[in-house]
Amino acid sequence: MVIVLYGVGIQEAIASGDLRKMKALRKEAKAHLREYGNISVALEVLEAEIKKLEFAGKRKK
């Protein structure tokens, strides 16, 4: 089973009240953090790059 590691997946696990499901998700989330680090930092960098390219595209017109 694939569990999405962001707000919706976490909220669904909590709402389910299923302790086993919540612990499994916690384990996956911790493994993800160890492997990839803080995704919010990477997202901020991605957002900045998108804005740069959008700005550069507007200047070319």
PDB file of N, CA and C in Angstrom:
ATOM      1  N   MET A   1       0.836  -1.182   0.000  1.00  0.00           N
ATOM      2  CA  MET A   1       0.000   0.000   0.000  1.00  0.00           C
ATOM      3  C   MET A   1       0.880   1.244   0.000  1.00  0.00           C
ATOM      4  N   VAL A   2       0.536   2.226  -0.800  1.00  0.00           N
ATOM      5  CA  VAL A   2       1.275   3.477  -0.870  1.00  0.00           C
ATOM      6  C   VAL A   2       0.535   4.515  -0.040  1.00  0.00           C
ATOM      7  N   ILE A   3       1.258   5.165   0.858  1.00  0.00           N
ATOM      8  CA  ILE A   3       0.690   6.239   1.662  1.00  0.00           C
ATOM      9  C   ILE A   3       1.404   7.517   1.264  1.00  0.00           C
ATOM     10  N   VAL A   4       0.629   8.533   0.939  1.00  0.00           N
ATOM     11  CA  VAL A   4       1.195   9.805   0.524  1.00  0.00           C
ATOM     12  C   VAL A   4       1.716  10.534   1.754  1.00  0.00           C
ATOM     13  N   LEU A   5       2.982  10.954   1.694  1.00  0.00           N
ATOM     14  CA  LEU A   5       3.623  11.581   2.844  1.00  0.00           C
ATOM     15  C   LEU A   5       3.481  13.095   2.827  1.00  0.00           C
ATOM     16  N   TYR A   6       2.282  13.574   2.883  1.00  0.00           N
ATOM     17  CA  TYR A   6       2.036  14.999   3.069  1.00  0.00           C
ATOM     18  C   TYR A   6       0.730  15.141   3.817  1.00  0.00           C
ATOM     19  N   GLY A   7       0.265  16.352   4.001  1.00  0.00           N
ATOM     20  CA  GLY A   7      -0.871  16.641   4.860  1.00  0.00           C
ATOM     21  C   GLY A   7      -2.044  15.690   4.765  1.00  0.00           C
ATOM     22  N   VAL A   8      -2.522  15.424   3.557  1.00  0.00           N
ATOM     23  CA  VAL A   8      -3.706  14.583   3.392  1.00  0.00           C
ATOM     24  C   VAL A   8      -3.458  13.177   3.918  1.00  0.00           C
ATOM     25  N   GLY A   9      -2.360  12.575   3.549  1.00  0.00           N
ATOM     26  CA  GLY A   9      -2.047  11.223   4.015  1.00  0.00           C
ATOM     27  C   GLY A   9      -1.918  11.158   5.526  1.00  0.00           C
ATOM     28  N   ILE A  10      -1.267  12.155   6.089  1.00  0.00           N
ATOM     29  CA  ILE A  10      -1.090  12.194   7.536  1.00  0.00           C
ATOM     30  C   ILE A  10      -2.426  12.436   8.226  1.00  0.00           C
ATOM     31  N   GLN A  11      -3.213  13.370   7.704  1.00  0.00           N
ATOM     32  CA  GLN A  11      -4.526  13.651   8.294  1.00  0.00           C
ATOM     33  C   GLN A  11      -5.437  12.429   8.232  1.00  0.00           C
ATOM     34  N   GLU A  12      -5.403  11.709   7.120  1.00  0.00           N
ATOM     35  CA  GLU A  12      -6.221  10.508   6.989  1.00  0.00           C
ATOM     36  C   GLU A  12      -5.803   9.439   7.994  1.00  0.00           C
ATOM     37  N   ALA A  13      -4.499   9.295   8.187  1.00  0.00           N
ATOM     38  CA  ALA A  13      -4.009   8.310   9.154  1.00  0.00           C
ATOM     39  C   ALA A  13      -4.473   8.673  10.564  1.00  0.00           C
ATOM     40  N   ILE A  14      -4.388   9.941  10.909  1.00  0.00           N
ATOM     41  CA  ILE A  14      -4.828  10.387  12.234  1.00  0.00           C
ATOM     42  C   ILE A  14      -6.329  10.172  12.394  1.00  0.00           C
ATOM     43  N   ALA A  15      -7.090  10.590  11.378  1.00  0.00           N
ATOM     44  CA  ALA A  15      -8.552  10.469  11.443  1.00  0.00           C
ATOM     45  C   ALA A  15      -9.000   9.018  11.543  1.00  0.00           C
ATOM     46  N   SER A  16      -8.217   8.107  10.989  1.00  0.00           N
ATOM     47  CA  SER A  16      -8.601   6.697  11.012  1.00  0.00           C
ATOM     48  C   SER A  16      -8.569   6.126  12.423  1.00  0.00           C
ATOM     49  N   GLY A  17      -7.738   6.723  13.283  1.00  0.00           N
ATOM     50  CA  GLY A  17      -7.594   6.213  14.635  1.00  0.00           C
ATOM     51  C   GLY A  17      -6.872   4.881  14.699  1.00  0.00           C
ATOM     52  N   ASP A  18      -6.303   4.472  13.576  1.00  0.00           N
ATOM     53  CA  ASP A  18      -5.616   3.182  13.467  1.00  0.00           C
ATOM     54  C   ASP A  18      -4.152   3.365  13.880  1.00  0.00           C
ATOM     55  N   LEU A  19      -3.830   2.940  15.098  1.00  0.00           N
ATOM     56  CA  LEU A  19      -2.479   3.126  15.631  1.00  0.00           C
ATOM     57  C   LEU A  19      -1.428   2.467  14.762  1.00  0.00           C
ATOM     58  N   ARG A  20      -1.712   1.287  14.268  1.00  0.00           N
ATOM     59  CA  ARG A  20      -0.749   0.582  13.416  1.00  0.00           C
ATOM     60  C   ARG A  20      -0.475   1.387  12.138  1.00  0.00           C
ATOM     61  N   LYS A  21      -1.522   1.948  11.555  1.00  0.00           N
ATOM     62  CA  LYS A  21      -1.382   2.755  10.331  1.00  0.00           C
ATOM     63  C   LYS A  21      -0.563   4.013  10.617  1.00  0.00           C
ATOM     64  N   MET A  22      -0.856   4.659  11.753  1.00  0.00           N
ATOM     65  CA  MET A  22      -0.131   5.878  12.108  1.00  0.00           C
ATOM     66  C   MET A  22       1.352   5.589  12.344  1.00  0.00           C
ATOM     67  N   LYS A  23       1.655   4.484  13.026  1.00  0.00           N
ATOM     68  CA  LYS A  23       3.062   4.138  13.279  1.00  0.00           C
ATOM     69  C   LYS A  23       3.790   3.780  11.988  1.00  0.00           C
ATOM     70  N   ALA A  24       3.091   3.103  11.078  1.00  0.00           N
ATOM     71  CA  ALA A  24       3.698   2.760   9.784  1.00  0.00           C
ATOM     72  C   ALA A  24       4.005   4.029   8.997  1.00  0.00           C
ATOM     73  N   LEU A  25       3.075   4.980   9.020  1.00  0.00           N
ATOM     74  CA  LEU A  25       3.280   6.243   8.317  1.00  0.00           C
ATOM     75  C   LEU A  25       4.431   7.025   8.942  1.00  0.00           C
ATOM     76  N   ARG A  26       4.498   7.021  10.269  1.00  0.00           N
ATOM     77  CA  ARG A  26       5.594   7.704  10.954  1.00  0.00           C
ATOM     78  C   ARG A  26       6.937   7.120  10.532  1.00  0.00           C
ATOM     79  N   LYS A  27       7.004   5.796  10.448  1.00  0.00           N
ATOM     80  CA  LYS A  27       8.238   5.131  10.040  1.00  0.00           C
ATOM     81  C   LYS A  27       8.627   5.542   8.619  1.00  0.00           C
ATOM     82  N   GLU A  28       7.658   5.563   7.716  1.00  0.00           N
ATOM     83  CA  GLU A  28       7.931   5.967   6.333  1.00  0.00           C
ATOM     84  C   GLU A  28       8.355   7.424   6.254  1.00  0.00           C
ATOM     85  N   ALA A  29       7.687   8.285   7.021  1.00  0.00           N
ATOM     86  CA  ALA A  29       8.009   9.708   6.997  1.00  0.00           C
ATOM     87  C   ALA A  29       9.423   9.958   7.523  1.00  0.00           C
ATOM     88  N   LYS A  30       9.796   9.261   8.590  1.00  0.00           N
ATOM     89  CA  LYS A  30      11.145   9.418   9.131  1.00  0.00           C
ATOM     90  C   LYS A  30      12.200   8.922   8.143  1.00  0.00           C
ATOM     91  N   ALA A  31      11.913   7.820   7.469  1.00  0.00           N
ATOM     92  CA  ALA A  31      12.846   7.303   6.461  1.00  0.00           C
ATOM     93  C   ALA A  31      12.981   8.302   5.310  1.00  0.00           C
ATOM     94  N   HIS A  32      11.876   8.902   4.916  1.00  0.00           N
ATOM     95  CA  HIS A  32      11.885   9.898   3.842  1.00  0.00           C
ATOM     96  C   HIS A  32      12.734  11.100   4.244  1.00  0.00           C
ATOM     97  N   LEU A  33      12.562  11.572   5.481  1.00  0.00           N
ATOM     98  CA  LEU A  33      13.368  12.700   5.959  1.00  0.00           C
ATOM     99  C   LEU A  33      14.848  12.365   5.997  1.00  0.00           C
ATOM    100  N   ARG A  34      15.183  11.153   6.425  1.00  0.00           N
ATOM    101  CA  ARG A  34      16.596  10.753   6.444  1.00  0.00           C
ATOM    102  C   ARG A  34      17.183  10.752   5.037  1.00  0.00           C
ATOM    103  N   GLU A  35      16.399  10.275   4.078  1.00  0.00           N
ATOM    104  CA  GLU A  35      16.910  10.160   2.719  1.00  0.00           C
ATOM    105  C   GLU A  35      16.913  11.485   1.966  1.00  0.00           C
ATOM    106  N   TYR A  36      15.848  12.268   2.119  1.00  0.00           N
ATOM    107  CA  TYR A  36      15.685  13.469   1.292  1.00  0.00           C
ATOM    108  C   TYR A  36      15.769  14.779   2.045  1.00  0.00           C
ATOM    109  N   GLY A  37      15.758  14.736   3.359  1.00  0.00           N
ATOM    110  CA  GLY A  37      15.793  15.977   4.130  1.00  0.00           C
ATOM    111  C   GLY A  37      14.444  16.675   4.139  1.00  0.00           C
ATOM    112  N   ASN A  38      14.486  17.924   4.499  1.00  0.00           N
ATOM    113  CA  ASN A  38      13.278  18.720   4.648  1.00  0.00           C
ATOM    114  C   ASN A  38      12.769  19.167   3.280  1.00  0.00           C
ATOM    115  N   ILE A  39      11.664  18.605   2.861  1.00  0.00           N
ATOM    116  CA  ILE A  39      11.115  18.912   1.535  1.00  0.00           C
ATOM    117  C   ILE A  39      10.671  20.367   1.408  1.00  0.00           C
ATOM    118  N   SER A  40      10.300  20.999   2.520  1.00  0.00           N
ATOM    119  CA  SER A  40       9.848  22.388   2.426  1.00  0.00           C
ATOM    120  C   SER A  40      10.983  23.316   1.999  1.00  0.00           C
ATOM    121  N   VAL A  41      12.200  23.002   2.394  1.00  0.00           N
ATOM    122  CA  VAL A  41      13.355  23.799   1.963  1.00  0.00           C
ATOM    123  C   VAL A  41      13.556  23.626   0.454  1.00  0.00           C
ATOM    124  N   ALA A  42      13.479  22.391  -0.023  1.00  0.00           N
ATOM    125  CA  ALA A  42      13.627  22.136  -1.453  1.00  0.00           C
ATOM    126  C   ALA A  42      12.510  22.820  -2.240  1.00  0.00           C
ATOM    127  N   LEU A  43      11.315  22.828  -1.689  1.00  0.00           N
ATOM    128  CA  LEU A  43      10.191  23.490  -2.358  1.00  0.00           C
ATOM    129  C   LEU A  43      10.420  24.992  -2.472  1.00  0.00           C
ATOM    130  N   GLU A  44      10.982  25.599  -1.440  1.00  0.00           N
ATOM    131  CA  GLU A  44      11.286  27.029  -1.491  1.00  0.00           C
ATOM    132  C   GLU A  44      12.281  27.332  -2.611  1.00  0.00           C
ATOM    133  N   VAL A  45      13.299  26.494  -2.756  1.00  0.00           N
ATOM    134  CA  VAL A  45      14.281  26.673  -3.824  1.00  0.00           C
ATOM    135  C   VAL A  45      13.603  26.512  -5.182  1.00  0.00           C
ATOM    136  N   LEU A  46      12.755  25.513  -5.315  1.00  0.00           N
ATOM    137  CA  LEU A  46      12.023  25.290  -6.558  1.00  0.00           C
ATOM    138  C   LEU A  46      11.156  26.496  -6.905  1.00  0.00           C
ATOM    139  N   GLU A  47      10.440  27.025  -5.919  1.00  0.00           N
ATOM    140  CA  GLU A  47       9.595  28.206  -6.142  1.00  0.00           C
ATOM    141  C   GLU A  47      10.420  29.386  -6.641  1.00  0.00           C
ATOM    142  N   ALA A  48      11.583  29.595  -6.053  1.00  0.00           N
ATOM    143  CA  ALA A  48      12.457  30.700  -6.464  1.00  0.00           C
ATOM    144  C   ALA A  48      12.909  30.525  -7.912  1.00  0.00           C
ATOM    145  N   GLU A  49      13.267  29.301  -8.289  1.00  0.00           N
ATOM    146  CA  GLU A  49      13.701  29.042  -9.662  1.00  0.00           C
ATOM    147  C   GLU A  49      12.559  29.255 -10.661  1.00  0.00           C
ATOM    148  N   ILE A  50      11.360  28.838 -10.289  1.00  0.00           N
ATOM    149  CA  ILE A  50      10.194  29.050 -11.151  1.00  0.00           C
ATOM    150  C   ILE A  50       9.972  30.542 -11.356  1.00  0.00           C
ATOM    151  N   LYS A  51      10.030  31.313 -10.287  1.00  0.00           N
ATOM    152  CA  LYS A  51       9.832  32.766 -10.393  1.00  0.00           C
ATOM    153  C   LYS A  51      10.888  33.408 -11.278  1.00  0.00           C
ATOM    154  N   LYS A  52      12.154  32.956 -11.145  1.00  0.00           N
ATOM    155  CA  LYS A  52      13.228  33.496 -11.994  1.00  0.00           C
ATOM    156  C   LYS A  52      12.944  33.245 -13.461  1.00  0.00           C
ATOM    157  N   LEU A  53      12.546  32.013 -13.785  1.00  0.00           N
ATOM    158  CA  LEU A  53      12.276  31.670 -15.179  1.00  0.00           C
ATOM    159  C   LEU A  53      11.052  32.396 -15.715  1.00  0.00           C
ATOM    160  N   GLU A  54      10.035  32.541 -14.879  1.00  0.00           N
ATOM    161  CA  GLU A  54       8.843  33.280 -15.308  1.00  0.00           C
ATOM    162  C   GLU A  54       9.189  34.738 -15.567  1.00  0.00           C
ATOM    163  N   PHE A  55      10.008  35.335 -14.701  1.00  0.00           N
ATOM    164  CA  PHE A  55      10.422  36.720 -14.850  1.00  0.00           C
ATOM    165  C   PHE A  55      11.246  36.889 -16.122  1.00  0.00           C
ATOM    166  N   ALA A  56      12.170  35.964 -16.351  1.00  0.00           N
ATOM    167  CA  ALA A  56      13.025  36.021 -17.550  1.00  0.00           C
ATOM    168  C   ALA A  56      12.177  35.872 -18.793  1.00  0.00           C
ATOM    169  N   GLY A  57      11.142  35.036 -18.749  1.00  0.00           N
ATOM    170  CA  GLY A  57      10.256  34.855 -19.901  1.00  0.00           C
ATOM    171  C   GLY A  57       9.460  36.102 -20.213  1.00  0.00           C
ATOM    172  N   LYS A  58       9.058  36.838 -19.199  1.00  0.00           N
ATOM    173  CA  LYS A  58       8.301  38.072 -19.385  1.00  0.00           C
ATOM    174  C   LYS A  58       9.188  39.154 -19.976  1.00  0.00           C
ATOM    175  N   ARG A  59      10.476  39.163 -19.594  1.00  0.00           N
ATOM    176  CA  ARG A  59      11.405  40.182 -20.105  1.00  0.00           C
ATOM    177  C   ARG A  59      11.689  39.972 -21.584  1.00  0.00           C
ATOM    178  N   LYS A  60      11.626  38.722 -22.061  1.00  0.00           N
ATOM    179  CA  LYS A  60      11.934  38.438 -23.473  1.00  0.00           C
ATOM    180  C   LYS A  60      10.838  38.911 -24.403  1.00  0.00           C
ATOM    181  N   LYS A  61       9.642  39.087 -23.898  1.00  0.00           N
ATOM    182  CA  LYS A  61       8.508  39.476 -24.754  1.00  0.00           C
ATOM    183  C   LYS A  61       8.499  40.926 -25.105  1.00  0.00           C
TER     184      LYS A  61
END
